[in-house]
Amino acid sequence: MNRMIYHMSPAETWQEAVQAGIYRGTADDLRDGFIHFSTAEQIAESARRHRAGQTGLVLIAIESARLGDGLKWEKSRGGALFPHLYGALDPAEAASVRPLPLGPDGEHAFPPLDP
């Protein structure tokens, strides 16, 4: 199943990964042992639950098929399948990296997302 999946990262963490040529994830990802991704349908709720009020984030889009066997779809919130990457990510795999600002309502303002 090839679809666009999304990951939120502090911009500084992502920039360090780009310079190093490898992204191992955020502190949450390192703690959990995999890089957390969400689908277009899941990402806004993931932001509300796990990144509420955080500024300085970027939204990274990746084509799921580019991640190979390290990508696992696992049950999480409400039994829904979430994409989890077991292993590091080559930042060059990103289809796009866009700022994820907070809107006037305090929620993250997402750009249009590809399913």
N, C-alpha and C. Protein backbone atom coordinates (compact mmCIF):
# COMPACT_ATOMS: atom_id res chain seq x y z
N MET A 1 0.86 -1.17 0.00
CA MET A 1 0.00 0.00 0.00
C MET A 1 0.90 1.23 0.00
N ASN A 2 0.89 1.98 -1.08
CA ASN A 2 1.69 3.21 -1.15
C ASN A 2 0.78 4.40 -0.92
N ARG A 3 1.11 5.15 0.08
CA ARG A 3 0.36 6.37 0.37
C ARG A 3 1.30 7.34 1.06
N MET A 4 0.91 8.59 1.08
CA MET A 4 1.71 9.60 1.76
C MET A 4 1.46 9.48 3.26
N ILE A 5 2.54 9.49 4.04
CA ILE A 5 2.43 9.48 5.49
C ILE A 5 3.20 10.68 6.02
N TYR A 6 2.91 11.07 7.26
CA TYR A 6 3.39 12.34 7.80
C TYR A 6 4.01 12.17 9.18
N HIS A 7 5.01 13.01 9.43
CA HIS A 7 5.72 13.01 10.71
C HIS A 7 5.96 14.45 11.11
N MET A 8 5.81 14.75 12.39
CA MET A 8 6.08 16.09 12.92
C MET A 8 7.39 16.07 13.69
N SER A 9 8.21 17.07 13.43
CA SER A 9 9.51 17.16 14.10
C SER A 9 9.82 18.62 14.42
N PRO A 10 10.52 18.87 15.51
CA PRO A 10 11.04 20.22 15.70
C PRO A 10 11.95 20.56 14.51
N ALA A 11 11.81 21.76 13.98
CA ALA A 11 12.58 22.16 12.80
C ALA A 11 14.08 21.99 13.04
N GLU A 12 14.54 22.32 14.23
CA GLU A 12 15.97 22.22 14.53
C GLU A 12 16.45 20.76 14.47
N THR A 13 15.65 19.85 14.99
CA THR A 13 16.00 18.42 14.96
C THR A 13 16.09 17.94 13.51
N TRP A 14 15.14 18.38 12.68
CA TRP A 14 15.15 17.97 11.28
C TRP A 14 16.37 18.55 10.55
N GLN A 15 16.67 19.81 10.80
CA GLN A 15 17.83 20.43 10.15
C GLN A 15 19.13 19.71 10.53
N GLU A 16 19.25 19.33 11.78
CA GLU A 16 20.43 18.57 12.21
C GLU A 16 20.51 17.25 11.46
N ALA A 17 19.36 16.61 11.26
CA ALA A 17 19.32 15.33 10.54
C ALA A 17 19.71 15.52 9.07
N VAL A 18 19.23 16.58 8.47
CA VAL A 18 19.58 16.86 7.07
C VAL A 18 21.09 17.03 6.95
N GLN A 19 21.68 17.77 7.86
CA GLN A 19 23.13 17.99 7.82
C GLN A 19 23.90 16.69 8.05
N ALA A 20 23.39 15.83 8.93
CA ALA A 20 24.05 14.57 9.25
C ALA A 20 23.75 13.48 8.22
N GLY A 21 22.65 13.66 7.45
CA GLY A 21 22.27 12.65 6.47
C GLY A 21 21.50 11.48 7.05
N ILE A 22 21.03 11.63 8.31
CA ILE A 22 20.26 10.56 8.94
C ILE A 22 19.34 11.16 10.02
N TYR A 23 18.10 10.67 10.04
CA TYR A 23 17.11 11.12 11.02
C TYR A 23 16.69 9.92 11.86
N ARG A 24 16.87 10.05 13.16
CA ARG A 24 16.51 8.96 14.06
C ARG A 24 15.22 9.24 14.82
N GLY A 25 14.66 10.43 14.61
CA GLY A 25 13.39 10.76 15.23
C GLY A 25 13.52 11.73 16.38
N THR A 26 12.38 12.02 16.98
CA THR A 26 12.29 12.92 18.12
C THR A 26 12.59 12.14 19.40
N ALA A 27 12.60 12.82 20.52
CA ALA A 27 12.80 12.15 21.81
C ALA A 27 11.74 11.08 22.03
N ASP A 28 10.49 11.36 21.64
CA ASP A 28 9.41 10.36 21.78
C ASP A 28 9.70 9.13 20.93
N ASP A 29 10.17 9.35 19.70
CA ASP A 29 10.48 8.23 18.81
C ASP A 29 11.61 7.37 19.39
N LEU A 30 12.65 8.04 19.87
CA LEU A 30 13.79 7.32 20.44
C LEU A 30 13.35 6.49 21.65
N ARG A 31 12.47 7.07 22.47
CA ARG A 31 11.96 6.36 23.66
C ARG A 31 11.15 5.12 23.24
N ASP A 32 10.32 5.28 22.19
CA ASP A 32 9.41 4.20 21.79
C ASP A 32 10.06 3.16 20.87
N GLY A 33 11.23 3.49 20.29
CA GLY A 33 11.93 2.53 19.45
C GLY A 33 11.53 2.54 17.99
N PHE A 34 10.75 3.52 17.58
CA PHE A 34 10.36 3.66 16.18
C PHE A 34 9.97 5.11 15.91
N ILE A 35 9.99 5.50 14.63
CA ILE A 35 9.57 6.85 14.25
C ILE A 35 8.07 6.82 13.99
N HIS A 36 7.36 7.67 14.70
CA HIS A 36 5.90 7.76 14.59
C HIS A 36 5.50 8.51 13.32
N PHE A 37 4.65 7.90 12.53
CA PHE A 37 4.04 8.56 11.38
C PHE A 37 2.53 8.49 11.55
N SER A 38 1.83 9.31 10.79
CA SER A 38 0.37 9.29 10.73
C SER A 38 -0.05 9.45 9.28
N THR A 39 -1.26 9.00 8.98
CA THR A 39 -1.83 9.26 7.66
C THR A 39 -2.42 10.67 7.64
N ALA A 40 -2.83 11.10 6.47
CA ALA A 40 -3.46 12.42 6.34
C ALA A 40 -4.69 12.52 7.24
N GLU A 41 -5.41 11.42 7.39
CA GLU A 41 -6.62 11.41 8.21
C GLU A 41 -6.30 11.44 9.70
N GLN A 42 -5.12 11.00 10.09
CA GLN A 42 -4.76 10.87 11.51
C GLN A 42 -3.92 12.02 12.06
N ILE A 43 -3.24 12.76 11.20
CA ILE A 43 -2.20 13.67 11.65
C ILE A 43 -2.71 14.81 12.53
N ALA A 44 -3.87 15.37 12.22
CA ALA A 44 -4.37 16.49 13.03
C ALA A 44 -4.64 16.05 14.47
N GLU A 45 -5.23 14.88 14.64
CA GLU A 45 -5.49 14.37 15.99
C GLU A 45 -4.17 14.03 16.69
N SER A 46 -3.20 13.50 15.95
CA SER A 46 -1.89 13.23 16.53
C SER A 46 -1.26 14.53 17.03
N ALA A 47 -1.39 15.59 16.27
CA ALA A 47 -0.85 16.90 16.69
C ALA A 47 -1.54 17.38 17.96
N ARG A 48 -2.87 17.25 18.02
CA ARG A 48 -3.62 17.68 19.20
C ARG A 48 -3.19 16.90 20.44
N ARG A 49 -2.99 15.61 20.28
CA ARG A 49 -2.67 14.75 21.42
C ARG A 49 -1.20 14.84 21.86
N HIS A 50 -0.30 14.97 20.90
CA HIS A 50 1.12 14.81 21.22
C HIS A 50 1.98 16.05 20.99
N ARG A 51 1.46 17.05 20.31
CA ARG A 51 2.25 18.25 20.00
C ARG A 51 1.48 19.53 20.31
N ALA A 52 0.46 19.45 21.14
CA ALA A 52 -0.39 20.61 21.44
C ALA A 52 0.44 21.81 21.90
N GLY A 53 0.22 22.93 21.25
CA GLY A 53 0.87 24.18 21.62
C GLY A 53 2.34 24.29 21.23
N GLN A 54 2.90 23.26 20.63
CA GLN A 54 4.32 23.31 20.26
C GLN A 54 4.52 24.16 19.01
N THR A 55 5.48 25.04 19.10
CA THR A 55 5.84 25.87 17.95
C THR A 55 7.15 25.35 17.36
N GLY A 56 7.49 25.86 16.19
CA GLY A 56 8.77 25.50 15.57
C GLY A 56 8.81 24.10 14.99
N LEU A 57 7.64 23.56 14.65
CA LEU A 57 7.58 22.22 14.07
C LEU A 57 7.59 22.28 12.54
N VAL A 58 8.05 21.18 11.94
CA VAL A 58 7.89 20.99 10.50
C VAL A 58 7.08 19.71 10.29
N LEU A 59 6.38 19.67 9.18
CA LEU A 59 5.59 18.51 8.78
C LEU A 59 6.33 17.85 7.62
N ILE A 60 6.73 16.62 7.83
CA ILE A 60 7.51 15.88 6.85
C ILE A 60 6.58 14.87 6.18
N ALA A 61 6.54 14.89 4.86
CA ALA A 61 5.72 13.95 4.08
C ALA A 61 6.65 12.95 3.40
N ILE A 62 6.28 11.68 3.48
CA ILE A 62 7.08 10.60 2.90
C ILE A 62 6.13 9.65 2.18
N GLU A 63 6.53 9.18 1.00
CA GLU A 63 5.76 8.13 0.34
C GLU A 63 6.07 6.82 1.07
N SER A 64 5.06 6.18 1.58
CA SER A 64 5.26 5.01 2.43
C SER A 64 6.06 3.90 1.74
N ALA A 65 5.89 3.73 0.45
CA ALA A 65 6.59 2.65 -0.26
C ALA A 65 8.10 2.85 -0.27
N ARG A 66 8.57 4.06 -0.06
CA ARG A 66 10.01 4.35 -0.07
C ARG A 66 10.70 3.83 1.19
N LEU A 67 9.93 3.47 2.21
CA LEU A 67 10.51 3.10 3.50
C LEU A 67 10.80 1.62 3.66
N GLY A 68 10.34 0.81 2.73
CA GLY A 68 10.68 -0.61 2.74
C GLY A 68 10.12 -1.39 3.91
N ASP A 69 10.84 -2.45 4.26
CA ASP A 69 10.37 -3.40 5.27
C ASP A 69 10.41 -2.86 6.69
N GLY A 70 11.10 -1.75 6.91
CA GLY A 70 11.15 -1.17 8.24
C GLY A 70 9.85 -0.51 8.65
N LEU A 71 8.96 -0.26 7.67
CA LEU A 71 7.67 0.38 7.97
C LEU A 71 6.65 -0.69 8.33
N LYS A 72 6.08 -0.54 9.51
CA LYS A 72 5.06 -1.47 10.00
C LYS A 72 3.79 -0.70 10.30
N TRP A 73 2.65 -1.26 9.91
CA TRP A 73 1.35 -0.66 10.22
C TRP A 73 0.82 -1.38 11.45
N GLU A 74 0.74 -0.63 12.57
CA GLU A 74 0.40 -1.24 13.84
C GLU A 74 -0.80 -0.55 14.48
N LYS A 75 -1.57 -1.36 15.21
CA LYS A 75 -2.73 -0.82 15.90
C LYS A 75 -2.29 0.14 16.99
N SER A 76 -3.01 1.24 17.08
CA SER A 76 -2.73 2.24 18.10
C SER A 76 -4.06 2.83 18.51
N ARG A 77 -4.12 4.16 18.56
CA ARG A 77 -5.30 4.89 19.04
C ARG A 77 -6.60 4.34 18.44
N GLY A 78 -7.47 3.87 19.29
CA GLY A 78 -8.78 3.38 18.85
C GLY A 78 -8.72 2.18 17.94
N GLY A 79 -7.60 1.46 17.93
CA GLY A 79 -7.47 0.28 17.08
C GLY A 79 -7.09 0.60 15.65
N ALA A 80 -6.91 1.88 15.32
CA ALA A 80 -6.54 2.27 13.96
C ALA A 80 -5.09 1.88 13.69
N LEU A 81 -4.80 1.57 12.43
CA LEU A 81 -3.44 1.23 12.04
C LEU A 81 -2.63 2.50 11.78
N PHE A 82 -1.49 2.59 12.45
CA PHE A 82 -0.59 3.73 12.28
C PHE A 82 0.73 3.23 11.70
N PRO A 83 1.35 4.02 10.83
CA PRO A 83 2.65 3.63 10.28
C PRO A 83 3.77 3.98 11.24
N HIS A 84 4.60 2.99 11.53
CA HIS A 84 5.75 3.15 12.41
C HIS A 84 7.00 2.68 11.67
N LEU A 85 8.03 3.51 11.65
CA LEU A 85 9.28 3.15 10.99
C LEU A 85 10.29 2.67 12.02
N TYR A 86 10.66 1.40 11.90
CA TYR A 86 11.69 0.82 12.77
C TYR A 86 13.02 0.96 12.06
N GLY A 87 13.77 1.95 12.50
CA GLY A 87 15.05 2.26 11.88
C GLY A 87 15.13 3.74 11.58
N ALA A 88 16.27 4.15 11.09
CA ALA A 88 16.51 5.56 10.78
C ALA A 88 15.95 5.90 9.39
N LEU A 89 15.79 7.18 9.17
CA LEU A 89 15.26 7.70 7.92
C LEU A 89 16.33 8.54 7.23
N ASP A 90 16.48 8.34 5.93
CA ASP A 90 17.33 9.21 5.13
C ASP A 90 16.51 10.46 4.82
N PRO A 91 16.94 11.64 5.28
CA PRO A 91 16.16 12.86 5.03
C PRO A 91 15.88 13.12 3.55
N ALA A 92 16.70 12.57 2.67
CA ALA A 92 16.48 12.74 1.23
C ALA A 92 15.20 12.04 0.77
N GLU A 93 14.66 11.14 1.56
CA GLU A 93 13.42 10.44 1.21
C GLU A 93 12.18 11.33 1.34
N ALA A 94 12.31 12.44 2.00
CA ALA A 94 11.16 13.32 2.23
C ALA A 94 10.63 13.87 0.91
N ALA A 95 9.34 13.73 0.69
CA ALA A 95 8.69 14.32 -0.49
C ALA A 95 8.52 15.81 -0.29
N SER A 96 8.28 16.21 0.96
CA SER A 96 8.18 17.63 1.29
C SER A 96 8.41 17.82 2.78
N VAL A 97 8.87 19.02 3.11
CA VAL A 97 9.06 19.42 4.51
C VAL A 97 8.52 20.85 4.58
N ARG A 98 7.44 21.02 5.34
CA ARG A 98 6.79 22.33 5.41
C ARG A 98 6.63 22.76 6.86
N PRO A 99 6.67 24.08 7.11
CA PRO A 99 6.42 24.57 8.46
C PRO A 99 5.02 24.16 8.93
N LEU A 100 4.91 23.92 10.23
CA LEU A 100 3.62 23.56 10.83
C LEU A 100 3.32 24.56 11.95
N PRO A 101 2.84 25.75 11.56
CA PRO A 101 2.60 26.80 12.56
C PRO A 101 1.32 26.56 13.36
N LEU A 102 1.22 27.28 14.45
CA LEU A 102 -0.03 27.30 15.21
C LEU A 102 -0.94 28.35 14.59
N GLY A 103 -2.21 28.02 14.48
CA GLY A 103 -3.20 28.97 13.99
C GLY A 103 -3.71 29.85 15.13
N PRO A 104 -4.60 30.80 14.81
CA PRO A 104 -5.13 31.71 15.83
C PRO A 104 -5.88 30.98 16.94
N ASP A 105 -6.39 29.78 16.65
CA ASP A 105 -7.13 29.01 17.65
C ASP A 105 -6.20 28.16 18.53
N GLY A 106 -4.87 28.24 18.28
CA GLY A 106 -3.92 27.47 19.07
C GLY A 106 -3.69 26.07 18.55
N GLU A 107 -4.42 25.68 17.51
CA GLU A 107 -4.24 24.37 16.88
C GLU A 107 -3.25 24.52 15.73
N HIS A 108 -2.58 23.45 15.36
CA HIS A 108 -1.66 23.51 14.23
C HIS A 108 -2.43 23.72 12.93
N ALA A 109 -1.89 24.57 12.09
CA ALA A 109 -2.51 24.91 10.80
C ALA A 109 -1.85 24.06 9.72
N PHE A 110 -2.54 23.02 9.30
CA PHE A 110 -1.99 22.08 8.33
C PHE A 110 -2.18 22.58 6.90
N PRO A 111 -1.17 22.35 6.06
CA PRO A 111 -1.35 22.64 4.64
C PRO A 111 -2.24 21.55 4.04
N PRO A 112 -2.66 21.69 2.79
CA PRO A 112 -3.40 20.60 2.15
C PRO A 112 -2.53 19.33 2.15
N LEU A 113 -3.13 18.20 2.46
CA LEU A 113 -2.40 16.94 2.57
C LEU A 113 -2.82 15.97 1.50
N ASP A 114 -1.84 15.21 0.99
CA ASP A 114 -2.13 14.13 0.03
C ASP A 114 -2.48 12.89 0.82
N PRO A 115 -3.54 12.19 0.42
CA PRO A 115 -3.91 10.95 1.13
C PRO A 115 -2.92 9.82 0.87
